Amino acid sequence: MKYRMVQVACALLVLTAAGCLSSRSESQSAHTYRLSLDPERTEVRPADINGPILQVSLPLAEPGFETPRMVYVKRPYELEQYALNQWADQPARMFASLMVQALGRTGLWRAVVPVPGPIRGDFRLDSYGFSLQQEFMQDPSLVRVTVRAQLVEAKESRVVGTRAFESVEKAQSDDAYGGVVAANRAIAVLLDEITSWLRECLKHSPECSR
């Protein structure tokens, strides 16, 4: 009889523990975020039917940033990741899609297409060293996005110009969502700067390789 009571008590403890674990997992569900264009910020201009075609390569991410996990920094050189917050895809891949969308709305090109693809371009935009991180080494926290871009004339494989870009935005709250909002603002600034740079490159301006 005592043995039976012990078995019942143990079963109750297991059920109680399972209930606690279930409640905790439900309250700590994962959150997924994306990078996107602000439709109110982006001006759409008609494509130049006589303009060149631009191909956009997938950016190469910095080591440690080839993941959908959201990266943050509390001290120099050490990358940490949120446990329950993530991007919908690798930030570098989402950034590539945004570049195609944003540059296609500038009116500078006949078409803007991703690489690889069936359409051959007159120019190719390569980028590398992409990183996106939230920094908690100051108050408020900052989101920093960096990338280095290179414009190549496709027919002759000639480098037209290179430029390093960096955008930093303050987070409105020191949590993952505050970082997401700041990251989208930083990406918007970066896309504007890349657009201006490409415009100078098409003019053969010395600013293109500054």
N, C-alpha and C. Protein backbone atom coordinates (compact mmCIF):
# COMPACT_ATOMS: atom_id res chain seq x y z
N MET A 1 0.84 -1.21 0.00
CA MET A 1 0.00 0.00 0.00
C MET A 1 0.87 1.26 0.00
N LYS A 2 1.89 1.24 0.85
CA LYS A 2 2.80 2.38 0.91
C LYS A 2 3.51 2.57 -0.43
N TYR A 3 3.88 1.44 -1.04
CA TYR A 3 4.58 1.52 -2.33
C TYR A 3 3.68 2.15 -3.37
N ARG A 4 2.37 1.77 -3.33
CA ARG A 4 1.42 2.34 -4.27
C ARG A 4 1.25 3.84 -4.07
N MET A 5 1.24 4.29 -2.81
CA MET A 5 1.10 5.71 -2.51
C MET A 5 2.33 6.48 -3.01
N VAL A 6 3.48 5.87 -2.87
CA VAL A 6 4.71 6.51 -3.36
C VAL A 6 4.66 6.68 -4.86
N GLN A 7 4.14 5.64 -5.57
CA GLN A 7 4.04 5.72 -7.02
C GLN A 7 3.11 6.86 -7.45
N VAL A 8 1.97 6.98 -6.75
CA VAL A 8 1.01 8.04 -7.06
C VAL A 8 1.63 9.41 -6.83
N ALA A 9 2.34 9.55 -5.70
CA ALA A 9 2.97 10.83 -5.38
C ALA A 9 4.00 11.21 -6.42
N CYS A 10 4.77 10.23 -6.86
CA CYS A 10 5.79 10.50 -7.88
C CYS A 10 5.13 10.92 -9.20
N ALA A 11 4.03 10.24 -9.55
CA ALA A 11 3.33 10.58 -10.78
C ALA A 11 2.80 12.01 -10.73
N LEU A 12 2.28 12.41 -9.56
CA LEU A 12 1.77 13.77 -9.40
C LEU A 12 2.89 14.79 -9.55
N LEU A 13 4.05 14.48 -8.98
CA LEU A 13 5.18 15.39 -9.09
C LEU A 13 5.61 15.56 -10.55
N VAL A 14 5.62 14.45 -11.29
CA VAL A 14 6.01 14.50 -12.70
C VAL A 14 5.03 15.35 -13.49
N LEU A 15 3.72 15.16 -13.24
CA LEU A 15 2.71 15.93 -13.95
C LEU A 15 2.82 17.41 -13.62
N THR A 16 3.08 17.71 -12.34
CA THR A 16 3.22 19.11 -11.93
C THR A 16 4.41 19.76 -12.60
N ALA A 17 5.53 19.03 -12.61
CA ALA A 17 6.73 19.56 -13.25
C ALA A 17 6.51 19.78 -14.74
N ALA A 18 5.82 18.81 -15.38
CA ALA A 18 5.54 18.93 -16.81
C ALA A 18 4.67 20.14 -17.08
N GLY A 19 3.72 20.38 -16.19
CA GLY A 19 2.85 21.54 -16.35
C GLY A 19 3.62 22.83 -16.24
N CYS A 20 4.57 22.90 -15.31
CA CYS A 20 5.40 24.09 -15.16
C CYS A 20 6.25 24.32 -16.41
N LEU A 21 6.84 23.23 -16.91
CA LEU A 21 7.67 23.36 -18.09
C LEU A 21 6.86 23.80 -19.30
N SER A 22 5.66 23.25 -19.44
CA SER A 22 4.80 23.61 -20.56
C SER A 22 4.41 25.08 -20.51
N SER A 23 4.08 25.55 -19.29
CA SER A 23 3.69 26.95 -19.14
C SER A 23 4.85 27.87 -19.47
N ARG A 24 6.05 27.50 -19.05
CA ARG A 24 7.22 28.33 -19.29
C ARG A 24 7.52 28.41 -20.78
N SER A 25 7.44 27.25 -21.49
CA SER A 25 7.75 27.25 -22.91
C SER A 25 6.75 28.08 -23.70
N GLU A 26 5.47 28.06 -23.27
CA GLU A 26 4.47 28.85 -23.96
C GLU A 26 4.69 30.34 -23.75
N SER A 27 5.11 30.72 -22.53
CA SER A 27 5.31 32.14 -22.24
C SER A 27 6.59 32.68 -22.87
N GLN A 28 7.51 31.78 -23.22
CA GLN A 28 8.78 32.20 -23.81
C GLN A 28 8.87 31.74 -25.26
N SER A 29 7.84 31.97 -26.02
CA SER A 29 7.83 31.57 -27.42
C SER A 29 8.81 32.44 -28.22
N ALA A 30 9.33 31.87 -29.29
CA ALA A 30 10.31 32.57 -30.11
C ALA A 30 9.64 33.66 -30.94
N HIS A 31 10.39 34.73 -31.22
CA HIS A 31 9.91 35.84 -32.03
C HIS A 31 10.78 35.95 -33.28
N THR A 32 10.13 36.14 -34.43
CA THR A 32 10.83 36.22 -35.71
C THR A 32 10.57 37.57 -36.35
N TYR A 33 11.63 38.21 -36.84
CA TYR A 33 11.54 39.56 -37.39
C TYR A 33 12.13 39.60 -38.79
N ARG A 34 11.80 40.65 -39.53
CA ARG A 34 12.33 40.79 -40.88
C ARG A 34 12.82 42.22 -41.13
N LEU A 35 13.63 42.36 -42.13
CA LEU A 35 14.04 43.66 -42.64
C LEU A 35 13.16 43.97 -43.83
N SER A 36 12.67 45.19 -43.93
CA SER A 36 11.78 45.54 -45.04
C SER A 36 11.91 47.02 -45.38
N LEU A 37 11.42 47.39 -46.55
CA LEU A 37 11.43 48.78 -46.99
C LEU A 37 10.22 49.51 -46.41
N ASP A 38 10.42 50.77 -46.08
CA ASP A 38 9.34 51.62 -45.62
C ASP A 38 8.66 52.22 -46.86
N PRO A 39 7.41 51.83 -47.16
CA PRO A 39 6.77 52.32 -48.39
C PRO A 39 6.60 53.83 -48.42
N GLU A 40 6.51 54.47 -47.27
CA GLU A 40 6.35 55.92 -47.23
C GLU A 40 7.67 56.64 -47.48
N ARG A 41 8.77 55.93 -47.26
CA ARG A 41 10.09 56.56 -47.42
C ARG A 41 10.63 56.40 -48.84
N THR A 42 10.21 55.34 -49.52
CA THR A 42 10.79 55.00 -50.81
C THR A 42 10.03 55.66 -51.95
N GLU A 43 10.72 56.50 -52.73
CA GLU A 43 10.13 57.12 -53.91
C GLU A 43 10.33 56.21 -55.11
N VAL A 44 9.26 55.94 -55.84
CA VAL A 44 9.33 55.06 -57.00
C VAL A 44 9.39 55.90 -58.27
N ARG A 45 10.46 55.71 -59.04
CA ARG A 45 10.62 56.42 -60.31
C ARG A 45 10.58 55.41 -61.45
N PRO A 46 10.05 55.80 -62.60
CA PRO A 46 9.97 54.86 -63.72
C PRO A 46 11.36 54.44 -64.19
N ALA A 47 11.46 53.19 -64.63
CA ALA A 47 12.74 52.67 -65.10
C ALA A 47 13.19 53.39 -66.36
N ASP A 48 14.50 53.55 -66.51
CA ASP A 48 15.09 54.16 -67.70
C ASP A 48 15.18 53.08 -68.78
N ILE A 49 14.31 53.17 -69.80
CA ILE A 49 14.26 52.10 -70.81
C ILE A 49 15.55 52.04 -71.64
N ASN A 50 16.33 53.09 -71.60
CA ASN A 50 17.61 53.11 -72.32
C ASN A 50 18.80 52.92 -71.38
N GLY A 51 18.50 52.71 -70.12
CA GLY A 51 19.57 52.59 -69.13
C GLY A 51 20.18 51.20 -69.08
N PRO A 52 21.25 51.05 -68.32
CA PRO A 52 21.91 49.75 -68.18
C PRO A 52 21.12 48.81 -67.26
N ILE A 53 21.47 47.54 -67.32
CA ILE A 53 20.89 46.53 -66.43
C ILE A 53 21.89 46.25 -65.32
N LEU A 54 21.41 46.23 -64.10
CA LEU A 54 22.27 45.99 -62.93
C LEU A 54 21.95 44.63 -62.33
N GLN A 55 22.98 43.83 -62.14
CA GLN A 55 22.85 42.57 -61.41
C GLN A 55 23.33 42.79 -59.97
N VAL A 56 22.63 42.21 -59.02
CA VAL A 56 22.99 42.36 -57.60
C VAL A 56 23.34 40.99 -57.04
N SER A 57 24.60 40.85 -56.61
CA SER A 57 25.06 39.59 -56.02
C SER A 57 24.64 39.48 -54.56
N LEU A 58 24.59 38.27 -54.08
CA LEU A 58 24.30 38.03 -52.67
C LEU A 58 25.49 38.50 -51.83
N PRO A 59 25.28 39.41 -50.87
CA PRO A 59 26.39 39.89 -50.04
C PRO A 59 27.04 38.75 -49.24
N LEU A 60 28.35 38.84 -49.09
CA LEU A 60 29.07 37.90 -48.24
C LEU A 60 29.10 38.45 -46.82
N ALA A 61 28.61 37.66 -45.88
CA ALA A 61 28.55 38.11 -44.49
C ALA A 61 29.89 37.95 -43.80
N GLU A 62 30.16 38.81 -42.83
CA GLU A 62 31.33 38.65 -41.98
C GLU A 62 31.22 37.36 -41.18
N PRO A 63 32.33 36.72 -40.82
CA PRO A 63 32.26 35.53 -39.97
C PRO A 63 31.49 35.82 -38.68
N GLY A 64 30.58 34.93 -38.35
CA GLY A 64 29.76 35.11 -37.16
C GLY A 64 28.40 35.70 -37.47
N PHE A 65 28.22 36.16 -38.71
CA PHE A 65 26.95 36.78 -39.09
C PHE A 65 26.23 36.00 -40.19
N GLU A 66 26.67 34.77 -40.46
CA GLU A 66 26.04 33.95 -41.50
C GLU A 66 24.91 33.11 -40.88
N THR A 67 24.02 33.75 -40.17
CA THR A 67 22.99 33.04 -39.42
C THR A 67 21.77 33.93 -39.24
N PRO A 68 20.57 33.33 -39.13
CA PRO A 68 19.39 34.13 -38.81
C PRO A 68 19.35 34.59 -37.35
N ARG A 69 20.22 34.03 -36.50
CA ARG A 69 20.24 34.43 -35.10
C ARG A 69 20.61 35.91 -34.98
N MET A 70 19.97 36.61 -34.04
CA MET A 70 20.21 38.04 -33.86
C MET A 70 21.44 38.24 -32.99
N VAL A 71 22.40 38.97 -33.51
CA VAL A 71 23.69 39.14 -32.85
C VAL A 71 23.71 40.44 -32.05
N TYR A 72 24.25 40.36 -30.83
CA TYR A 72 24.46 41.56 -30.04
C TYR A 72 25.84 41.51 -29.38
N VAL A 73 26.32 42.67 -28.94
CA VAL A 73 27.66 42.80 -28.37
C VAL A 73 27.57 43.56 -27.06
N LYS A 74 28.19 43.01 -26.02
CA LYS A 74 28.27 43.68 -24.73
C LYS A 74 29.68 44.18 -24.45
N ARG A 75 30.65 43.59 -25.12
CA ARG A 75 32.03 44.03 -25.00
C ARG A 75 32.73 43.75 -26.32
N PRO A 76 33.80 44.50 -26.63
CA PRO A 76 34.45 44.36 -27.94
C PRO A 76 34.88 42.93 -28.23
N TYR A 77 34.72 42.53 -29.48
CA TYR A 77 35.20 41.27 -30.04
C TYR A 77 34.36 40.05 -29.68
N GLU A 78 33.41 40.18 -28.78
CA GLU A 78 32.62 39.01 -28.38
C GLU A 78 31.19 39.12 -28.91
N LEU A 79 30.82 38.16 -29.78
CA LEU A 79 29.49 38.13 -30.36
C LEU A 79 28.58 37.20 -29.55
N GLU A 80 27.40 37.71 -29.18
CA GLU A 80 26.40 36.90 -28.50
C GLU A 80 25.12 36.91 -29.32
N GLN A 81 24.22 35.96 -29.01
CA GLN A 81 23.00 35.82 -29.79
C GLN A 81 21.78 35.71 -28.88
N TYR A 82 20.71 36.38 -29.27
CA TYR A 82 19.46 36.24 -28.53
C TYR A 82 18.97 34.80 -28.60
N ALA A 83 18.42 34.31 -27.50
CA ALA A 83 17.96 32.92 -27.45
C ALA A 83 16.58 32.74 -28.08
N LEU A 84 15.70 33.71 -27.89
CA LEU A 84 14.30 33.56 -28.32
C LEU A 84 13.89 34.58 -29.38
N ASN A 85 14.87 35.22 -30.01
CA ASN A 85 14.58 36.20 -31.05
C ASN A 85 15.48 35.93 -32.23
N GLN A 86 14.91 35.95 -33.45
CA GLN A 86 15.69 35.63 -34.63
C GLN A 86 15.14 36.38 -35.84
N TRP A 87 15.97 36.47 -36.87
CA TRP A 87 15.54 37.03 -38.14
C TRP A 87 14.84 35.97 -38.96
N ALA A 88 13.99 36.38 -39.90
CA ALA A 88 13.28 35.44 -40.75
C ALA A 88 14.24 34.73 -41.71
N ASP A 89 15.37 35.33 -41.98
CA ASP A 89 16.41 34.75 -42.84
C ASP A 89 17.73 35.41 -42.44
N GLN A 90 18.81 34.96 -43.02
CA GLN A 90 20.08 35.61 -42.75
C GLN A 90 19.97 37.08 -43.17
N PRO A 91 20.40 38.02 -42.32
CA PRO A 91 20.30 39.44 -42.68
C PRO A 91 20.94 39.78 -44.02
N ALA A 92 22.05 39.14 -44.36
CA ALA A 92 22.70 39.42 -45.65
C ALA A 92 21.79 39.05 -46.81
N ARG A 93 21.04 37.96 -46.69
CA ARG A 93 20.13 37.55 -47.75
C ARG A 93 18.95 38.52 -47.86
N MET A 94 18.42 38.95 -46.72
CA MET A 94 17.32 39.92 -46.75
C MET A 94 17.81 41.25 -47.32
N PHE A 95 19.04 41.63 -47.00
CA PHE A 95 19.61 42.87 -47.51
C PHE A 95 19.74 42.82 -49.03
N ALA A 96 20.12 41.66 -49.57
CA ALA A 96 20.22 41.52 -51.03
C ALA A 96 18.87 41.76 -51.69
N SER A 97 17.82 41.19 -51.13
CA SER A 97 16.48 41.39 -51.68
C SER A 97 16.06 42.85 -51.61
N LEU A 98 16.40 43.51 -50.51
CA LEU A 98 16.05 44.93 -50.36
C LEU A 98 16.82 45.80 -51.35
N MET A 99 18.07 45.45 -51.63
CA MET A 99 18.84 46.21 -52.61
C MET A 99 18.20 46.12 -53.99
N VAL A 100 17.77 44.91 -54.37
CA VAL A 100 17.12 44.74 -55.67
C VAL A 100 15.85 45.60 -55.73
N GLN A 101 15.05 45.55 -54.66
CA GLN A 101 13.81 46.33 -54.64
C GLN A 101 14.09 47.84 -54.68
N ALA A 102 14.96 48.29 -53.79
CA ALA A 102 15.21 49.73 -53.66
C ALA A 102 15.87 50.31 -54.91
N LEU A 103 16.87 49.63 -55.45
CA LEU A 103 17.57 50.14 -56.62
C LEU A 103 16.68 50.08 -57.86
N GLY A 104 15.74 49.14 -57.88
CA GLY A 104 14.82 49.07 -59.00
C GLY A 104 13.83 50.21 -59.03
N ARG A 105 13.72 50.95 -57.94
CA ARG A 105 12.77 52.06 -57.86
C ARG A 105 13.43 53.42 -58.10
N THR A 106 14.73 53.43 -58.37
CA THR A 106 15.45 54.70 -58.47
C THR A 106 15.35 55.36 -59.84
N GLY A 107 15.00 54.59 -60.87
CA GLY A 107 14.98 55.13 -62.22
C GLY A 107 16.34 55.19 -62.86
N LEU A 108 17.37 54.66 -62.22
CA LEU A 108 18.72 54.70 -62.77
C LEU A 108 18.96 53.57 -63.76
N TRP A 109 18.16 52.51 -63.69
CA TRP A 109 18.46 51.29 -64.42
C TRP A 109 17.26 50.85 -65.27
N ARG A 110 17.54 50.14 -66.34
CA ARG A 110 16.47 49.53 -67.12
C ARG A 110 15.84 48.38 -66.34
N ALA A 111 16.70 47.67 -65.60
CA ALA A 111 16.23 46.58 -64.74
C ALA A 111 17.29 46.31 -63.68
N VAL A 112 16.83 45.84 -62.55
CA VAL A 112 17.73 45.41 -61.47
C VAL A 112 17.35 43.98 -61.13
N VAL A 113 18.31 43.06 -61.27
CA VAL A 113 18.00 41.64 -61.12
C VAL A 113 19.01 40.98 -60.18
N PRO A 114 18.59 39.93 -59.49
CA PRO A 114 19.52 39.23 -58.60
C PRO A 114 20.43 38.28 -59.36
N VAL A 115 21.55 37.95 -58.74
CA VAL A 115 22.48 36.94 -59.25
C VAL A 115 22.42 35.74 -58.31
N PRO A 116 22.31 34.50 -58.85
CA PRO A 116 22.27 34.16 -60.28
C PRO A 116 20.88 34.38 -60.88
N GLY A 117 20.83 34.51 -62.19
CA GLY A 117 19.57 34.70 -62.89
C GLY A 117 19.78 34.60 -64.38
N PRO A 118 18.71 34.52 -65.15
CA PRO A 118 18.82 34.32 -66.59
C PRO A 118 19.18 35.59 -67.37
N ILE A 119 19.06 36.75 -66.73
CA ILE A 119 19.29 38.02 -67.43
C ILE A 119 20.73 38.48 -67.22
N ARG A 120 21.42 38.78 -68.31
CA ARG A 120 22.78 39.29 -68.23
C ARG A 120 22.75 40.79 -67.99
N GLY A 121 23.63 41.27 -67.15
CA GLY A 121 23.66 42.68 -66.80
C GLY A 121 24.81 43.42 -67.45
N ASP A 122 24.67 44.74 -67.48
CA ASP A 122 25.76 45.60 -67.94
C ASP A 122 26.73 45.88 -66.79
N PHE A 123 26.18 45.92 -65.57
CA PHE A 123 26.98 46.12 -64.37
C PHE A 123 26.58 45.07 -63.33
N ARG A 124 27.51 44.81 -62.42
CA ARG A 124 27.22 43.89 -61.31
C ARG A 124 27.63 44.56 -60.00
N LEU A 125 26.74 44.52 -59.05
CA LEU A 125 27.02 45.07 -57.72
C LEU A 125 27.36 43.93 -56.77
N ASP A 126 28.62 43.85 -56.37
CA ASP A 126 29.07 42.85 -55.40
C ASP A 126 29.20 43.52 -54.04
N SER A 127 28.97 42.79 -52.99
CA SER A 127 29.16 43.35 -51.65
C SER A 127 29.64 42.26 -50.71
N TYR A 128 30.39 42.67 -49.72
CA TYR A 128 30.98 41.71 -48.79
C TYR A 128 31.23 42.42 -47.46
N GLY A 129 31.62 41.63 -46.46
CA GLY A 129 31.86 42.20 -45.14
C GLY A 129 30.59 42.68 -44.47
N PHE A 130 29.45 42.05 -44.79
CA PHE A 130 28.17 42.51 -44.23
C PHE A 130 28.05 42.07 -42.77
N SER A 131 27.66 43.01 -41.91
CA SER A 131 27.40 42.67 -40.51
C SER A 131 26.28 43.55 -39.98
N LEU A 132 25.52 43.00 -39.05
CA LEU A 132 24.42 43.72 -38.40
C LEU A 132 24.41 43.29 -36.94
N GLN A 133 24.65 44.25 -36.04
CA GLN A 133 24.72 43.90 -34.63
C GLN A 133 24.15 45.01 -33.76
N GLN A 134 23.60 44.60 -32.61
CA GLN A 134 23.12 45.55 -31.61
C GLN A 134 24.19 45.65 -30.53
N GLU A 135 24.57 46.88 -30.19
CA GLU A 135 25.68 47.10 -29.27
C GLU A 135 25.18 47.67 -27.95
N PHE A 136 25.48 46.97 -26.86
CA PHE A 136 25.05 47.39 -25.52
C PHE A 136 26.21 47.96 -24.72
N MET A 137 27.17 48.56 -25.40
CA MET A 137 28.33 49.13 -24.73
C MET A 137 28.10 50.60 -24.37
N GLN A 138 26.88 51.09 -24.61
CA GLN A 138 26.51 52.46 -24.26
C GLN A 138 25.00 52.47 -24.05
N ASP A 139 24.50 53.60 -23.55
CA ASP A 139 23.08 53.75 -23.27
C ASP A 139 22.56 55.00 -23.99
N PRO A 140 21.59 54.87 -24.91
CA PRO A 140 20.91 53.62 -25.29
C PRO A 140 21.78 52.75 -26.19
N SER A 141 21.33 51.53 -26.41
CA SER A 141 22.07 50.64 -27.29
C SER A 141 22.01 51.15 -28.73
N LEU A 142 22.97 50.72 -29.53
CA LEU A 142 23.06 51.12 -30.93
C LEU A 142 22.97 49.90 -31.82
N VAL A 143 22.48 50.11 -33.02
CA VAL A 143 22.53 49.07 -34.05
C VAL A 143 23.46 49.56 -35.15
N ARG A 144 24.43 48.73 -35.49
CA ARG A 144 25.43 49.09 -36.49
C ARG A 144 25.35 48.10 -37.66
N VAL A 145 25.24 48.65 -38.87
CA VAL A 145 25.24 47.84 -40.08
C VAL A 145 26.40 48.29 -40.96
N THR A 146 27.21 47.35 -41.41
CA THR A 146 28.35 47.68 -42.26
C THR A 146 28.37 46.78 -43.49
N VAL A 147 28.86 47.30 -44.58
CA VAL A 147 29.02 46.51 -45.80
C VAL A 147 30.00 47.24 -46.72
N ARG A 148 30.70 46.49 -47.53
CA ARG A 148 31.59 47.09 -48.53
C ARG A 148 31.06 46.69 -49.90
N ALA A 149 30.89 47.67 -50.79
CA ALA A 149 30.29 47.42 -52.10
C ALA A 149 31.31 47.67 -53.21
N GLN A 150 31.13 46.94 -54.30
CA GLN A 150 32.00 47.07 -55.47
C GLN A 150 31.15 46.99 -56.73
N LEU A 151 31.26 47.99 -57.58
CA LEU A 151 30.53 48.00 -58.85
C LEU A 151 31.47 47.55 -59.96
N VAL A 152 31.03 46.55 -60.71
CA VAL A 152 31.86 45.96 -61.77
C VAL A 152 31.16 46.13 -63.11
N GLU A 153 31.91 46.61 -64.11
CA GLU A 153 31.41 46.66 -65.48
C GLU A 153 31.54 45.24 -66.03
N ALA A 154 30.40 44.63 -66.37
CA ALA A 154 30.36 43.18 -66.60
C ALA A 154 31.14 42.74 -67.84
N LYS A 155 31.03 43.45 -68.95
CA LYS A 155 31.63 43.00 -70.21
C LYS A 155 33.14 42.87 -70.11
N GLU A 156 33.78 43.84 -69.49
CA GLU A 156 35.24 43.82 -69.38
C GLU A 156 35.72 43.36 -68.01
N SER A 157 34.78 43.02 -67.13
CA SER A 157 35.11 42.64 -65.74
C SER A 157 35.98 43.71 -65.09
N ARG A 158 35.61 44.97 -65.32
CA ARG A 158 36.39 46.10 -64.81
C ARG A 158 35.72 46.68 -63.58
N VAL A 159 36.50 46.88 -62.53
CA VAL A 159 35.98 47.48 -61.31
C VAL A 159 35.81 48.98 -61.52
N VAL A 160 34.57 49.44 -61.43
CA VAL A 160 34.28 50.85 -61.63
C VAL A 160 34.53 51.65 -60.36
N GLY A 161 34.18 51.07 -59.22
CA GLY A 161 34.39 51.77 -57.96
C GLY A 161 34.09 50.87 -56.77
N THR A 162 34.66 51.22 -55.64
CA THR A 162 34.40 50.51 -54.38
C THR A 162 34.13 51.53 -53.29
N ARG A 163 33.37 51.12 -52.30
CA ARG A 163 33.06 52.03 -51.20
C ARG A 163 32.65 51.22 -49.97
N ALA A 164 33.12 51.64 -48.80
CA ALA A 164 32.68 51.04 -47.54
C ALA A 164 31.55 51.88 -46.97
N PHE A 165 30.52 51.22 -46.48
CA PHE A 165 29.34 51.89 -45.93
C PHE A 165 29.11 51.44 -44.50
N GLU A 166 28.67 52.38 -43.68
CA GLU A 166 28.32 52.07 -42.29
C GLU A 166 27.17 52.96 -41.86
N SER A 167 26.20 52.37 -41.20
CA SER A 167 25.05 53.12 -40.70
C SER A 167 24.81 52.72 -39.25
N VAL A 168 24.63 53.72 -38.39
CA VAL A 168 24.43 53.48 -36.96
C VAL A 168 23.16 54.21 -36.51
N GLU A 169 22.29 53.49 -35.81
CA GLU A 169 21.04 54.06 -35.32
C GLU A 169 20.85 53.70 -33.84
N LYS A 170 20.30 54.65 -33.07
CA LYS A 170 19.99 54.38 -31.67
C LYS A 170 18.73 53.54 -31.56
N ALA A 171 18.74 52.60 -30.62
CA ALA A 171 17.56 51.78 -30.36
C ALA A 171 16.65 52.51 -29.37
N GLN A 172 15.35 52.46 -29.63
CA GLN A 172 14.40 53.13 -28.74
C GLN A 172 14.18 52.35 -27.46
N SER A 173 14.52 51.06 -27.46
CA SER A 173 14.44 50.24 -26.25
C SER A 173 15.57 49.23 -26.29
N ASP A 174 16.11 48.92 -25.12
CA ASP A 174 17.27 48.03 -25.05
C ASP A 174 16.82 46.56 -25.01
N ASP A 175 16.15 46.15 -26.06
CA ASP A 175 15.74 44.76 -26.20
C ASP A 175 15.79 44.40 -27.67
N ALA A 176 15.40 43.16 -28.00
CA ALA A 176 15.51 42.69 -29.37
C ALA A 176 14.65 43.53 -30.32
N TYR A 177 13.42 43.85 -29.91
CA TYR A 177 12.54 44.59 -30.82
C TYR A 177 13.05 46.01 -31.05
N GLY A 178 13.60 46.62 -30.02
CA GLY A 178 14.22 47.93 -30.22
C GLY A 178 15.33 47.85 -31.23
N GLY A 179 16.08 46.74 -31.21
CA GLY A 179 17.14 46.54 -32.19
C GLY A 179 16.60 46.34 -33.59
N VAL A 180 15.47 45.64 -33.70
CA VAL A 180 14.86 45.41 -35.01
C VAL A 180 14.44 46.72 -35.66
N VAL A 181 13.77 47.58 -34.91
CA VAL A 181 13.32 48.86 -35.44
C VAL A 181 14.52 49.71 -35.86
N ALA A 182 15.55 49.75 -35.03
CA ALA A 182 16.75 50.52 -35.36
C ALA A 182 17.45 49.93 -36.58
N ALA A 183 17.46 48.60 -36.70
CA ALA A 183 18.11 47.95 -37.84
C ALA A 183 17.42 48.33 -39.14
N ASN A 184 16.10 48.38 -39.13
CA ASN A 184 15.38 48.77 -40.35
C ASN A 184 15.67 50.22 -40.73
N ARG A 185 15.81 51.10 -39.73
CA ARG A 185 16.18 52.49 -40.02
C ARG A 185 17.59 52.55 -40.60
N ALA A 186 18.50 51.79 -40.02
CA ALA A 186 19.89 51.79 -40.48
C ALA A 186 19.99 51.26 -41.91
N ILE A 187 19.24 50.22 -42.22
CA ILE A 187 19.25 49.66 -43.57
C ILE A 187 18.73 50.68 -44.57
N ALA A 188 17.68 51.42 -44.20
CA ALA A 188 17.12 52.44 -45.10
C ALA A 188 18.16 53.51 -45.42
N VAL A 189 18.90 53.95 -44.41
CA VAL A 189 19.96 54.94 -44.63
C VAL A 189 21.05 54.37 -45.54
N LEU A 190 21.41 53.12 -45.30
CA LEU A 190 22.44 52.46 -46.09
C LEU A 190 22.03 52.37 -47.56
N LEU A 191 20.78 52.02 -47.82
CA LEU A 191 20.29 51.90 -49.19
C LEU A 191 20.31 53.27 -49.89
N ASP A 192 19.97 54.32 -49.15
CA ASP A 192 20.03 55.67 -49.73
C ASP A 192 21.46 56.03 -50.12
N GLU A 193 22.41 55.69 -49.25
CA GLU A 193 23.82 56.01 -49.52
C GLU A 193 24.35 55.21 -50.70
N ILE A 194 23.96 53.94 -50.81
CA ILE A 194 24.39 53.11 -51.93
C ILE A 194 23.81 53.64 -53.23
N THR A 195 22.55 54.07 -53.19
CA THR A 195 21.92 54.64 -54.39
C THR A 195 22.66 55.89 -54.86
N SER A 196 22.99 56.78 -53.92
CA SER A 196 23.71 58.01 -54.28
C SER A 196 25.09 57.68 -54.85
N TRP A 197 25.74 56.70 -54.26
CA TRP A 197 27.07 56.29 -54.73
C TRP A 197 27.00 55.73 -56.15
N LEU A 198 26.02 54.88 -56.43
CA LEU A 198 25.89 54.31 -57.76
C LEU A 198 25.58 55.40 -58.79
N ARG A 199 24.81 56.38 -58.40
CA ARG A 199 24.53 57.49 -59.31
C ARG A 199 25.83 58.20 -59.71
N GLU A 200 26.72 58.40 -58.75
CA GLU A 200 28.02 59.02 -59.04
C GLU A 200 28.87 58.12 -59.93
N CYS A 201 28.77 56.81 -59.72
CA CYS A 201 29.54 55.88 -60.54
C CYS A 201 29.10 55.93 -62.00
N LEU A 202 27.79 56.04 -62.23
CA LEU A 202 27.28 56.13 -63.59
C LEU A 202 27.71 57.42 -64.28
N LYS A 203 28.00 58.43 -63.48
CA LYS A 203 28.48 59.73 -64.03
C LYS A 203 29.99 59.71 -64.21
N HIS A 204 30.64 58.59 -63.84
CA HIS A 204 32.10 58.48 -63.89
C HIS A 204 32.76 59.52 -62.99
N SER A 205 32.13 59.79 -61.88
CA SER A 205 32.64 60.78 -60.95
C SER A 205 33.77 60.19 -60.09
N PRO A 206 34.77 61.00 -59.74
CA PRO A 206 35.83 60.54 -58.83
C PRO A 206 35.29 60.10 -57.48
N GLU A 207 34.10 60.60 -57.13
CA GLU A 207 33.47 60.22 -55.86
C GLU A 207 33.15 58.74 -55.80
N CYS A 208 33.09 58.10 -56.95
CA CYS A 208 32.71 56.70 -57.00
C CYS A 208 33.73 55.82 -56.26
N SER A 209 34.98 56.20 -56.29
CA SER A 209 36.03 55.37 -55.65
C SER A 209 36.61 56.02 -54.41
N ARG A 210 35.87 56.97 -53.86
CA ARG A 210 36.38 57.67 -52.68
C ARG A 210 36.44 56.72 -51.48
